[in-house]
Amino acid sequence: MENRHKSMEETARDRAPGLKNALYAFSWVMLIIFGLITVILMQGLIGAIFGGQFDLFSVIFFVITGGLTFLIWRNKDNLRTEYDYTYTPIGGGRADLDVAKVMGNARRRLMTSLSLATVESAGNVNHPSFQRYLSMKDVKKHNWFVNRGAELYYFFFTKNNVKHVVILELSEEMVDRVKSNFSHGVWQQ
């Protein structure tokens, strides 16, 4: 039985996460420090307002530390980004490739659900056709991979009258399954 008729899911993870893990831990430390400063400033502001002593400097400092706390909290999970690629055969020689961004192993966001029948061109990013699609002015480029040094593949397609180039980090097994769904000439060798 051929494997290309079975669903497959794989995850692109950072191969050398040491620096990102250190930055993630540092962001938590800074989040706690700025959060505590914000709470202390808020208590001082409430006391000053009810005591009749308004201080503009305290308000500005409170807004800055509160804003930094929020920005760190909102963006800390970007340091732990992974991409899930799911290949799903739907019968009749057709298949879908779903790409999801997973941040901090907690938030999952579907980036696209790509019907492989709509792909006009695909292949390794080292192929000259990739540069041709990148140089087009009306093409949206999506980098949905984690490791820059990995084997990267592109998919060029049109969705809702908008041209897209998606760059993914797929394994050889996933590439073999995806290639089997393309008509002649779509995959660039």
Protein backbone atom coordinates (compact mmCIF):
# COMPACT_ATOMS: atom_id res chain seq x y z
CA MET A 1 0.00 0.00 0.00
CA GLU A 2 1.40 3.39 -0.98
CA ASN A 3 1.95 5.98 1.73
CA ARG A 4 0.90 8.87 -0.51
CA HIS A 5 -2.75 7.91 0.09
CA LYS A 6 -2.40 8.43 3.85
CA SER A 7 -2.50 11.68 5.79
CA MET A 8 0.76 12.95 7.18
CA GLU A 9 1.62 15.69 9.66
CA GLU A 10 5.01 17.08 10.53
CA THR A 11 6.33 19.99 12.54
CA ALA A 12 9.18 22.33 11.65
CA ARG A 13 11.02 23.14 14.89
CA ASP A 14 14.11 25.21 15.57
CA ARG A 15 17.15 22.93 15.37
CA ALA A 16 19.26 25.11 17.68
CA PRO A 17 16.84 26.63 20.21
CA GLY A 18 19.46 27.63 22.82
CA LEU A 19 19.51 31.39 22.17
CA LYS A 20 15.75 31.59 21.70
CA ASN A 21 15.16 29.68 24.96
CA ALA A 22 17.48 32.09 26.79
CA LEU A 23 15.64 35.09 25.29
CA TYR A 24 12.31 33.49 26.24
CA ALA A 25 13.44 33.09 29.87
CA PHE A 26 14.77 36.66 29.86
CA SER A 27 11.44 37.93 28.50
CA TRP A 28 9.63 36.25 31.43
CA VAL A 29 12.01 37.89 33.91
CA MET A 30 11.47 41.30 32.29
CA LEU A 31 7.71 40.69 32.19
CA ILE A 32 7.65 40.09 35.95
CA ILE A 33 9.89 43.08 36.70
CA PHE A 34 7.91 45.53 34.53
CA GLY A 35 4.64 44.07 35.82
CA LEU A 36 5.65 44.65 39.44
CA ILE A 37 6.84 48.19 38.66
CA THR A 38 3.53 48.89 36.92
CA VAL A 39 1.51 47.63 39.90
CA ILE A 40 3.59 49.70 42.33
CA LEU A 41 3.18 52.80 40.16
CA MET A 42 -0.55 52.18 39.88
CA GLN A 43 -0.85 52.04 43.67
CA GLY A 44 1.10 55.29 43.95
CA LEU A 45 -1.08 56.95 41.30
CA ILE A 46 -4.30 55.94 43.02
CA GLY A 47 -2.99 57.24 46.32
CA ALA A 48 -1.80 60.50 44.72
CA ILE A 49 -5.09 61.07 42.91
CA PHE A 50 -7.16 60.57 46.07
CA GLY A 51 -4.65 62.61 48.09
CA GLY A 52 -4.89 65.52 45.67
CA GLN A 53 -1.25 65.33 44.50
CA PHE A 54 -1.28 64.70 40.75
CA ASP A 55 2.16 63.98 39.25
CA LEU A 56 2.51 63.92 35.43
CA PHE A 57 5.89 62.13 35.59
CA SER A 58 4.32 59.20 37.49
CA VAL A 59 1.54 58.91 34.92
CA ILE A 60 4.02 58.87 32.01
CA PHE A 61 6.22 56.29 33.75
CA PHE A 62 3.15 54.16 34.54
CA VAL A 63 2.03 54.21 30.88
CA ILE A 64 5.53 53.33 29.63
CA THR A 65 6.05 50.40 32.04
CA GLY A 66 2.50 49.16 31.47
CA GLY A 67 3.01 49.33 27.71
CA LEU A 68 6.32 47.46 27.92
CA THR A 69 4.72 44.81 30.10
CA PHE A 70 1.94 44.33 27.56
CA LEU A 71 4.34 44.22 24.57
CA ILE A 72 6.57 41.63 26.23
CA TRP A 73 3.55 39.51 27.20
CA ARG A 74 2.07 39.76 23.69
CA ASN A 75 5.27 38.92 21.77
CA LYS A 76 7.12 36.44 24.01
CA ASP A 77 5.59 33.43 22.24
CA ASN A 78 7.09 34.52 18.91
CA LEU A 79 10.40 33.23 20.27
CA ARG A 80 8.92 29.72 20.29
CA THR A 81 7.34 29.53 16.85
CA GLU A 82 6.81 26.23 15.05
CA TYR A 83 4.99 25.37 11.83
CA ASP A 84 2.74 22.35 11.39
CA TYR A 85 2.34 20.97 7.88
CA THR A 86 -0.53 18.56 7.26
CA TYR A 87 -0.93 16.61 4.03
CA THR A 88 -4.47 15.27 3.53
CA PRO A 89 -5.49 13.24 0.48
CA ILE A 90 -9.14 13.93 -0.42
CA GLY A 91 -9.61 11.34 -3.16
CA GLY A 92 -9.58 11.44 -6.92
CA GLY A 93 -5.85 12.14 -6.98
CA ARG A 94 -6.33 15.44 -5.12
CA ALA A 95 -4.91 16.53 -1.79
CA ASP A 96 -4.67 19.51 0.55
CA LEU A 97 -1.66 20.91 2.35
CA ASP A 98 -2.51 22.82 5.53
CA VAL A 99 0.00 25.13 7.19
CA ALA A 100 -0.47 26.25 10.80
CA LYS A 101 1.69 28.52 12.93
CA VAL A 102 2.07 27.36 16.54
CA MET A 103 3.34 29.98 18.99
CA GLY A 104 4.62 28.99 22.40
CA ASN A 105 3.11 25.52 22.01
CA ALA A 106 -0.19 27.10 23.03
CA ARG A 107 -1.68 29.25 20.27
CA ARG A 108 -2.31 27.64 16.89
CA ARG A 109 -3.26 29.73 13.88
CA LEU A 110 -4.13 28.31 10.46
CA MET A 111 -2.06 30.17 7.87
CA THR A 112 -3.51 28.52 4.76
CA SER A 113 -5.29 25.47 3.49
CA LEU A 114 -3.80 24.90 0.07
CA SER A 115 -5.47 22.67 -2.49
CA LEU A 116 -2.53 21.16 -4.37
CA ALA A 117 -4.60 21.24 -7.57
CA THR A 118 -4.36 25.06 -7.53
CA VAL A 119 -0.55 25.14 -7.36
CA GLU A 120 0.87 26.51 -10.60
CA SER A 121 4.55 25.92 -9.82
CA ALA A 122 6.53 24.34 -7.00
CA GLY A 123 10.05 23.19 -6.26
CA ASN A 124 13.23 23.82 -4.35
CA VAL A 125 14.04 27.46 -3.61
CA ASN A 126 17.39 26.99 -5.36
CA HIS A 127 15.60 26.53 -8.71
CA PRO A 128 15.72 29.58 -11.04
CA SER A 129 11.90 29.64 -11.34
CA PHE A 130 11.68 30.63 -7.68
CA GLN A 131 13.57 33.87 -8.32
CA ARG A 132 11.25 34.62 -11.24
CA TYR A 133 8.19 34.43 -8.97
CA LEU A 134 9.85 36.48 -6.24
CA SER A 135 10.66 39.26 -8.68
CA MET A 136 7.00 39.68 -9.67
CA LYS A 137 5.61 42.88 -8.14
CA ASP A 138 2.10 41.61 -7.36
CA VAL A 139 3.12 38.44 -5.50
CA LYS A 140 2.66 38.06 -1.73
CA LYS A 141 5.57 36.18 -0.16
CA HIS A 142 4.99 34.02 2.93
CA ASN A 143 7.98 32.61 4.87
CA TRP A 144 6.49 29.77 6.87
CA PHE A 145 9.63 27.99 8.01
CA VAL A 146 11.87 28.06 11.09
CA ASN A 147 15.41 27.06 10.02
CA ARG A 148 17.05 29.18 7.33
CA GLY A 149 19.67 26.54 6.55
CA ALA A 150 17.11 23.79 5.97
CA GLU A 151 15.94 22.41 2.64
CA LEU A 152 13.22 24.88 1.65
CA TYR A 153 10.50 24.49 -0.99
CA TYR A 154 8.25 27.03 -2.65
CA PHE A 155 4.66 26.83 -3.87
CA PHE A 156 3.28 29.42 -6.28
CA PHE A 157 -0.51 29.68 -6.51
CA THR A 158 -3.34 32.15 -6.98
CA LYS A 159 -6.06 32.42 -4.34
CA ASN A 160 -8.91 34.97 -4.51
CA ASN A 161 -7.20 36.67 -7.49
CA VAL A 162 -4.03 37.26 -5.44
CA LYS A 163 -0.74 35.57 -6.36
CA HIS A 164 1.16 33.94 -3.49
CA VAL A 165 4.56 32.33 -3.00
CA VAL A 166 4.74 30.17 0.09
CA ILE A 167 8.11 28.94 1.37
CA LEU A 168 7.98 25.82 3.55
CA GLU A 169 10.44 23.54 5.34
CA LEU A 170 9.28 20.05 4.34
CA SER A 171 10.86 16.63 4.82
CA GLU A 172 11.71 14.45 1.82
CA GLU A 173 8.81 12.12 2.64
CA MET A 174 6.36 15.03 2.67
CA VAL A 175 7.81 16.35 -0.60
CA ASP A 176 7.33 12.95 -2.25
CA ARG A 177 3.68 12.87 -1.19
CA VAL A 178 3.05 16.42 -2.35
CA LYS A 179 4.79 15.89 -5.71
CA SER A 180 2.61 12.90 -6.50
CA ASN A 181 -0.45 15.22 -6.68
CA PHE A 182 0.94 17.64 -9.24
CA SER A 183 0.29 17.43 -12.94
CA HIS A 184 3.23 17.28 -15.35
CA GLY A 185 5.38 20.42 -15.33
CA VAL A 186 4.25 21.86 -11.98
CA TRP A 187 7.19 20.51 -9.97
CA GLN A 188 10.43 22.21 -11.01
CA GLN A 189 13.40 19.84 -10.84
